[in-house]
N, C-alpha and C. Protein backbone atom coordinates (compact mmCIF):
# COMPACT_ATOMS: atom_id res chain seq x y z
N MET A 1 105.71 118.80 109.35
CA MET A 1 105.15 117.74 110.16
C MET A 1 106.22 116.85 110.81
N PRO A 2 107.36 116.63 110.18
CA PRO A 2 108.32 115.74 110.83
C PRO A 2 108.73 116.20 112.24
N ARG A 3 108.91 117.51 112.42
CA ARG A 3 109.29 118.01 113.74
C ARG A 3 108.17 117.82 114.75
N THR A 4 106.94 118.07 114.32
CA THR A 4 105.79 117.89 115.21
C THR A 4 105.65 116.43 115.59
N ARG A 5 105.76 115.55 114.60
CA ARG A 5 105.67 114.11 114.84
C ARG A 5 106.74 113.67 115.84
N ARG A 6 107.96 114.13 115.62
CA ARG A 6 109.08 113.76 116.49
C ARG A 6 108.87 114.29 117.91
N ALA A 7 108.44 115.55 118.02
CA ALA A 7 108.24 116.15 119.35
C ALA A 7 107.16 115.39 120.14
N ILE A 8 106.03 115.11 119.48
CA ILE A 8 104.96 114.39 120.19
C ILE A 8 105.42 112.99 120.56
N SER A 9 106.12 112.32 119.65
CA SER A 9 106.64 110.98 119.96
C SER A 9 107.55 111.00 121.18
N GLU A 10 108.45 111.97 121.22
CA GLU A 10 109.39 112.05 122.34
C GLU A 10 108.66 112.33 123.66
N TYR A 11 107.71 113.25 123.65
CA TYR A 11 106.97 113.55 124.87
C TYR A 11 106.18 112.34 125.36
N VAL A 12 105.53 111.66 124.43
CA VAL A 12 104.70 110.52 124.82
C VAL A 12 105.57 109.37 125.31
N HIS A 13 106.71 109.14 124.66
CA HIS A 13 107.65 108.13 125.15
C HIS A 13 108.13 108.49 126.56
N GLU A 14 108.44 109.76 126.75
CA GLU A 14 108.98 110.24 128.02
C GLU A 14 108.04 109.97 129.20
N ILE A 15 106.73 110.01 128.96
CA ILE A 15 105.79 109.77 130.06
C ILE A 15 105.48 108.29 130.25
N GLY A 16 106.14 107.44 129.47
CA GLY A 16 106.03 106.01 129.70
C GLY A 16 105.07 105.24 128.81
N ALA A 17 104.62 105.84 127.73
CA ALA A 17 103.73 105.12 126.82
C ALA A 17 104.52 104.04 126.08
N SER A 18 103.82 102.98 125.70
CA SER A 18 104.46 101.90 124.96
C SER A 18 104.74 102.33 123.53
N ASP A 19 105.62 101.60 122.86
CA ASP A 19 105.91 101.89 121.46
C ASP A 19 104.64 101.80 120.61
N GLU A 20 103.79 100.82 120.90
CA GLU A 20 102.53 100.67 120.15
C GLU A 20 101.62 101.88 120.34
N GLN A 21 101.53 102.38 121.56
CA GLN A 21 100.71 103.57 121.81
C GLN A 21 101.26 104.77 121.06
N VAL A 22 102.57 104.95 121.09
CA VAL A 22 103.20 106.06 120.38
C VAL A 22 102.94 105.93 118.88
N ASP A 23 103.09 104.73 118.34
CA ASP A 23 102.84 104.51 116.91
C ASP A 23 101.40 104.84 116.55
N ASP A 24 100.45 104.45 117.40
CA ASP A 24 99.03 104.75 117.16
C ASP A 24 98.78 106.25 117.12
N ILE A 25 99.36 106.96 118.07
CA ILE A 25 99.17 108.41 118.16
C ILE A 25 99.76 109.11 116.94
N VAL A 26 100.96 108.71 116.55
CA VAL A 26 101.61 109.33 115.39
C VAL A 26 100.84 109.01 114.12
N LEU A 27 100.35 107.79 113.97
CA LEU A 27 99.54 107.43 112.80
C LEU A 27 98.28 108.29 112.73
N ALA A 28 97.60 108.44 113.86
CA ALA A 28 96.37 109.25 113.89
C ALA A 28 96.68 110.71 113.56
N LEU A 29 97.76 111.23 114.11
CA LEU A 29 98.17 112.61 113.81
C LEU A 29 98.46 112.77 112.32
N ASP A 30 99.19 111.84 111.74
CA ASP A 30 99.49 111.90 110.30
C ASP A 30 98.22 111.87 109.47
N GLU A 31 97.29 110.99 109.82
CA GLU A 31 96.04 110.88 109.06
C GLU A 31 95.22 112.16 109.17
N ALA A 32 95.15 112.74 110.36
CA ALA A 32 94.37 113.97 110.55
C ALA A 32 94.96 115.11 109.72
N CYS A 33 96.27 115.25 109.74
CA CYS A 33 96.91 116.33 108.98
C CYS A 33 96.82 116.07 107.48
N ALA A 34 96.94 114.81 107.07
CA ALA A 34 96.80 114.48 105.64
C ALA A 34 95.40 114.82 105.15
N ASN A 35 94.38 114.61 105.99
CA ASN A 35 93.02 114.97 105.61
C ASN A 35 92.90 116.46 105.33
N VAL A 36 93.54 117.28 106.14
CA VAL A 36 93.50 118.72 105.91
C VAL A 36 94.15 119.04 104.56
N VAL A 37 95.32 118.49 104.32
CA VAL A 37 96.05 118.77 103.09
C VAL A 37 95.25 118.32 101.87
N ARG A 38 94.62 117.16 101.94
CA ARG A 38 93.91 116.61 100.78
C ARG A 38 92.52 117.20 100.57
N HIS A 39 91.84 117.54 101.66
CA HIS A 39 90.41 117.83 101.53
C HIS A 39 89.95 119.23 101.95
N ALA A 40 90.68 119.91 102.80
CA ALA A 40 90.16 121.14 103.39
C ALA A 40 90.10 122.30 102.39
N TYR A 41 91.12 122.42 101.59
CA TYR A 41 91.21 123.57 100.70
C TYR A 41 91.22 123.06 99.26
N VAL A 42 90.21 123.44 98.51
CA VAL A 42 90.03 122.91 97.15
C VAL A 42 90.47 123.91 96.09
N GLY A 43 90.70 123.40 94.89
CA GLY A 43 91.01 124.27 93.76
C GLY A 43 92.31 125.02 93.89
N GLY A 44 93.29 124.44 94.58
CA GLY A 44 94.56 125.10 94.73
C GLY A 44 94.58 126.20 95.77
N GLU A 45 93.46 126.38 96.47
CA GLU A 45 93.38 127.40 97.52
C GLU A 45 94.37 127.06 98.64
N GLU A 46 95.08 128.06 99.10
CA GLU A 46 96.00 127.86 100.21
C GLU A 46 95.26 128.07 101.52
N GLY A 47 95.71 127.37 102.54
CA GLY A 47 95.10 127.53 103.85
C GLY A 47 96.04 127.03 104.92
N GLU A 48 95.61 127.19 106.12
CA GLU A 48 96.42 126.74 107.24
C GLU A 48 95.54 125.96 108.19
N PHE A 49 96.20 125.29 109.13
CA PHE A 49 95.46 124.58 110.16
C PHE A 49 96.16 124.75 111.49
N ARG A 50 95.42 124.49 112.54
CA ARG A 50 95.93 124.60 113.90
C ARG A 50 95.98 123.22 114.53
N LEU A 51 97.05 122.96 115.26
CA LEU A 51 97.22 121.68 115.94
C LEU A 51 97.57 121.97 117.39
N VAL A 52 96.80 121.37 118.30
CA VAL A 52 97.07 121.53 119.72
C VAL A 52 97.13 120.14 120.34
N ALA A 53 98.18 119.89 121.10
CA ALA A 53 98.33 118.60 121.77
C ALA A 53 98.41 118.84 123.27
N ASP A 54 97.67 118.03 124.01
CA ASP A 54 97.70 118.06 125.47
C ASP A 54 98.11 116.67 125.92
N ILE A 55 99.27 116.58 126.57
CA ILE A 55 99.84 115.28 126.93
C ILE A 55 99.95 115.20 128.44
N SER A 56 99.30 114.19 129.02
CA SER A 56 99.41 113.94 130.46
C SER A 56 99.80 112.48 130.65
N ASP A 57 100.03 112.09 131.90
CA ASP A 57 100.38 110.70 132.19
C ASP A 57 99.26 109.72 131.82
N GLU A 58 98.02 110.20 131.81
CA GLU A 58 96.88 109.32 131.57
C GLU A 58 96.36 109.35 130.14
N GLU A 59 96.57 110.46 129.42
CA GLU A 59 95.93 110.60 128.13
C GLU A 59 96.67 111.58 127.24
N VAL A 60 96.59 111.33 125.94
CA VAL A 60 97.06 112.27 124.93
C VAL A 60 95.84 112.76 124.17
N SER A 61 95.68 114.07 124.10
CA SER A 61 94.58 114.68 123.35
C SER A 61 95.18 115.57 122.28
N ILE A 62 94.67 115.40 121.06
CA ILE A 62 95.16 116.20 119.95
C ILE A 62 93.96 116.77 119.21
N ALA A 63 94.01 118.06 118.93
CA ALA A 63 92.97 118.71 118.12
C ALA A 63 93.63 119.28 116.87
N VAL A 64 92.99 119.02 115.73
CA VAL A 64 93.44 119.56 114.45
C VAL A 64 92.24 120.31 113.86
N GLU A 65 92.43 121.59 113.56
CA GLU A 65 91.32 122.42 113.07
C GLU A 65 91.75 123.23 111.86
N ASP A 66 90.87 123.30 110.87
CA ASP A 66 91.13 124.11 109.68
C ASP A 66 89.92 124.99 109.41
N ASP A 67 90.07 125.91 108.47
CA ASP A 67 88.98 126.80 108.05
C ASP A 67 88.54 126.49 106.63
N GLY A 68 88.75 125.26 106.20
CA GLY A 68 88.45 124.85 104.84
C GLY A 68 86.98 124.62 104.57
N VAL A 69 86.71 123.78 103.57
CA VAL A 69 85.35 123.56 103.08
C VAL A 69 84.51 122.66 103.97
N GLY A 70 85.11 121.98 104.92
CA GLY A 70 84.36 121.07 105.78
C GLY A 70 84.25 119.69 105.17
N ILE A 71 83.68 118.78 105.91
CA ILE A 71 83.63 117.40 105.43
C ILE A 71 82.22 116.93 105.11
N GLY A 72 81.28 117.84 105.04
CA GLY A 72 79.91 117.45 104.76
C GLY A 72 79.72 116.67 103.49
N SER A 73 80.58 116.86 102.50
CA SER A 73 80.41 116.19 101.22
C SER A 73 81.26 114.92 101.10
N LEU A 74 82.05 114.61 102.10
CA LEU A 74 82.88 113.41 102.03
C LEU A 74 82.09 112.19 102.48
N PRO A 75 82.34 111.03 101.87
CA PRO A 75 81.63 109.82 102.29
C PRO A 75 82.06 109.40 103.69
N VAL A 76 81.09 108.97 104.49
CA VAL A 76 81.38 108.52 105.85
C VAL A 76 82.10 107.18 105.82
N ASP A 77 81.63 106.27 105.00
CA ASP A 77 82.24 104.95 104.85
C ASP A 77 82.66 104.77 103.41
N PRO A 78 83.95 104.96 103.11
CA PRO A 78 84.38 104.84 101.72
C PRO A 78 84.24 103.40 101.22
N ASP A 79 84.18 103.28 99.91
CA ASP A 79 84.14 101.98 99.26
C ASP A 79 85.33 101.15 99.74
N GLU A 80 85.12 99.87 99.98
CA GLU A 80 86.20 99.03 100.50
C GLU A 80 87.38 98.93 99.55
N ASP A 81 87.18 99.19 98.25
CA ASP A 81 88.26 99.15 97.28
C ASP A 81 88.92 100.50 97.07
N ALA A 82 88.43 101.52 97.76
CA ALA A 82 88.98 102.87 97.58
C ALA A 82 90.43 102.92 98.05
N VAL A 83 91.24 103.67 97.31
CA VAL A 83 92.65 103.83 97.66
C VAL A 83 92.82 104.84 98.78
N SER A 84 91.95 105.84 98.83
CA SER A 84 92.02 106.84 99.89
C SER A 84 90.65 106.98 100.55
N GLY A 85 90.57 107.84 101.57
CA GLY A 85 89.29 108.07 102.23
C GLY A 85 89.10 107.26 103.48
N ARG A 86 90.15 106.66 103.97
CA ARG A 86 90.05 105.82 105.16
C ARG A 86 90.64 106.46 106.42
N GLY A 87 91.03 107.73 106.32
CA GLY A 87 91.71 108.39 107.43
C GLY A 87 90.92 108.37 108.72
N LEU A 88 89.64 108.74 108.67
CA LEU A 88 88.84 108.77 109.89
C LEU A 88 88.64 107.36 110.45
N GLN A 89 88.49 106.37 109.58
CA GLN A 89 88.36 104.99 110.05
C GLN A 89 89.62 104.55 110.79
N ILE A 90 90.76 104.89 110.24
CA ILE A 90 92.03 104.53 110.88
C ILE A 90 92.14 105.20 112.24
N ILE A 91 91.82 106.49 112.29
CA ILE A 91 91.91 107.23 113.55
C ILE A 91 90.98 106.60 114.58
N ARG A 92 89.76 106.25 114.18
CA ARG A 92 88.81 105.62 115.12
C ARG A 92 89.35 104.30 115.68
N ARG A 93 90.07 103.56 114.86
CA ARG A 93 90.60 102.27 115.30
C ARG A 93 91.75 102.40 116.29
N VAL A 94 92.61 103.39 116.08
CA VAL A 94 93.83 103.46 116.89
C VAL A 94 93.73 104.38 118.10
N MET A 95 92.73 105.25 118.12
CA MET A 95 92.57 106.17 119.24
C MET A 95 91.40 105.72 120.11
N THR A 96 91.36 106.18 121.35
CA THR A 96 90.28 105.82 122.26
C THR A 96 88.99 106.51 121.89
N ASP A 97 89.06 107.81 121.57
CA ASP A 97 87.88 108.60 121.22
C ASP A 97 88.22 109.51 120.05
N LEU A 98 87.18 109.80 119.25
CA LEU A 98 87.32 110.74 118.15
C LEU A 98 86.03 111.53 118.03
N GLU A 99 86.17 112.85 117.93
CA GLU A 99 85.02 113.73 117.70
C GLU A 99 85.35 114.62 116.52
N VAL A 100 84.42 114.69 115.58
CA VAL A 100 84.59 115.53 114.39
C VAL A 100 83.47 116.54 114.35
N ARG A 101 83.82 117.81 114.23
CA ARG A 101 82.83 118.89 114.09
C ARG A 101 83.08 119.62 112.79
N SER A 102 82.04 119.68 111.97
CA SER A 102 82.14 120.40 110.72
C SER A 102 80.75 120.87 110.33
N PRO A 103 80.52 122.16 110.27
CA PRO A 103 81.49 123.23 110.45
C PRO A 103 81.84 123.43 111.92
N THR A 104 82.92 124.16 112.14
CA THR A 104 83.36 124.46 113.50
C THR A 104 82.57 125.65 114.04
N GLU A 105 82.91 126.06 115.24
CA GLU A 105 82.26 127.22 115.86
C GLU A 105 82.50 128.49 115.04
N ARG A 106 83.54 128.50 114.23
CA ARG A 106 83.86 129.66 113.39
C ARG A 106 82.92 129.76 112.18
N GLY A 107 82.16 128.70 111.93
CA GLY A 107 81.21 128.71 110.82
C GLY A 107 81.68 128.00 109.57
N SER A 108 82.92 127.58 109.56
CA SER A 108 83.43 126.82 108.41
C SER A 108 84.49 125.86 108.92
N GLY A 109 85.00 125.04 108.03
CA GLY A 109 86.10 124.16 108.38
C GLY A 109 85.71 122.96 109.18
N THR A 110 86.72 122.29 109.69
CA THR A 110 86.56 121.05 110.43
C THR A 110 87.46 121.07 111.65
N ARG A 111 86.95 120.55 112.76
CA ARG A 111 87.75 120.36 113.98
C ARG A 111 87.69 118.89 114.34
N LEU A 112 88.84 118.27 114.42
CA LEU A 112 88.94 116.87 114.77
C LEU A 112 89.64 116.80 116.12
N GLU A 113 88.99 116.18 117.10
CA GLU A 113 89.59 115.99 118.42
C GLU A 113 89.71 114.50 118.67
N MET A 114 90.92 114.08 118.99
CA MET A 114 91.15 112.66 119.24
C MET A 114 91.89 112.49 120.56
N HIS A 115 91.57 111.39 121.21
CA HIS A 115 92.13 111.11 122.54
C HIS A 115 92.61 109.67 122.58
N LYS A 116 93.72 109.48 123.27
CA LYS A 116 94.25 108.13 123.49
C LYS A 116 94.56 107.99 124.98
N ARG A 117 93.79 107.13 125.66
CA ARG A 117 94.09 106.82 127.06
C ARG A 117 95.33 105.94 127.10
N LEU A 118 96.20 106.23 128.01
CA LEU A 118 97.46 105.51 128.09
C LEU A 118 97.43 104.48 129.22
N SER A 119 97.90 103.30 128.92
CA SER A 119 98.07 102.29 129.95
C SER A 119 99.57 102.07 130.08
N HIS A 120 100.06 102.26 131.28
CA HIS A 120 101.50 102.16 131.50
C HIS A 120 101.87 100.76 131.95
N GLN A 121 103.01 100.32 131.45
CA GLN A 121 103.47 99.00 131.81
C GLN A 121 104.25 99.07 133.11
N ILE A 122 104.02 98.10 133.96
CA ILE A 122 104.69 98.08 135.27
C ILE A 122 105.77 97.03 135.30
């Protein structure tokens, strides 16, 4: 993940996004990937995930998809005292749009698509 994080940060900086926008995008990316690691594959099962980023001057779109167990059994709004389980809430706060599909078109897993509209400073 460090190389992916660095590459996306550099591309987004290069197109003129603010430091705050870059930080939001990297935070959302980290949360999405952490969700896969923590929740997608249970019982020590190994798995993989796919990450696709589309970066333009106006918007950054990132999709993270796995073939794991899906999120149907996860709480939508975790207890306010919970130590974990806030990843989707964080992503919703820092990104412009978030769409979660579980199961995916493949019949299992989760696909998370997030978008951040960029406002450039003049």
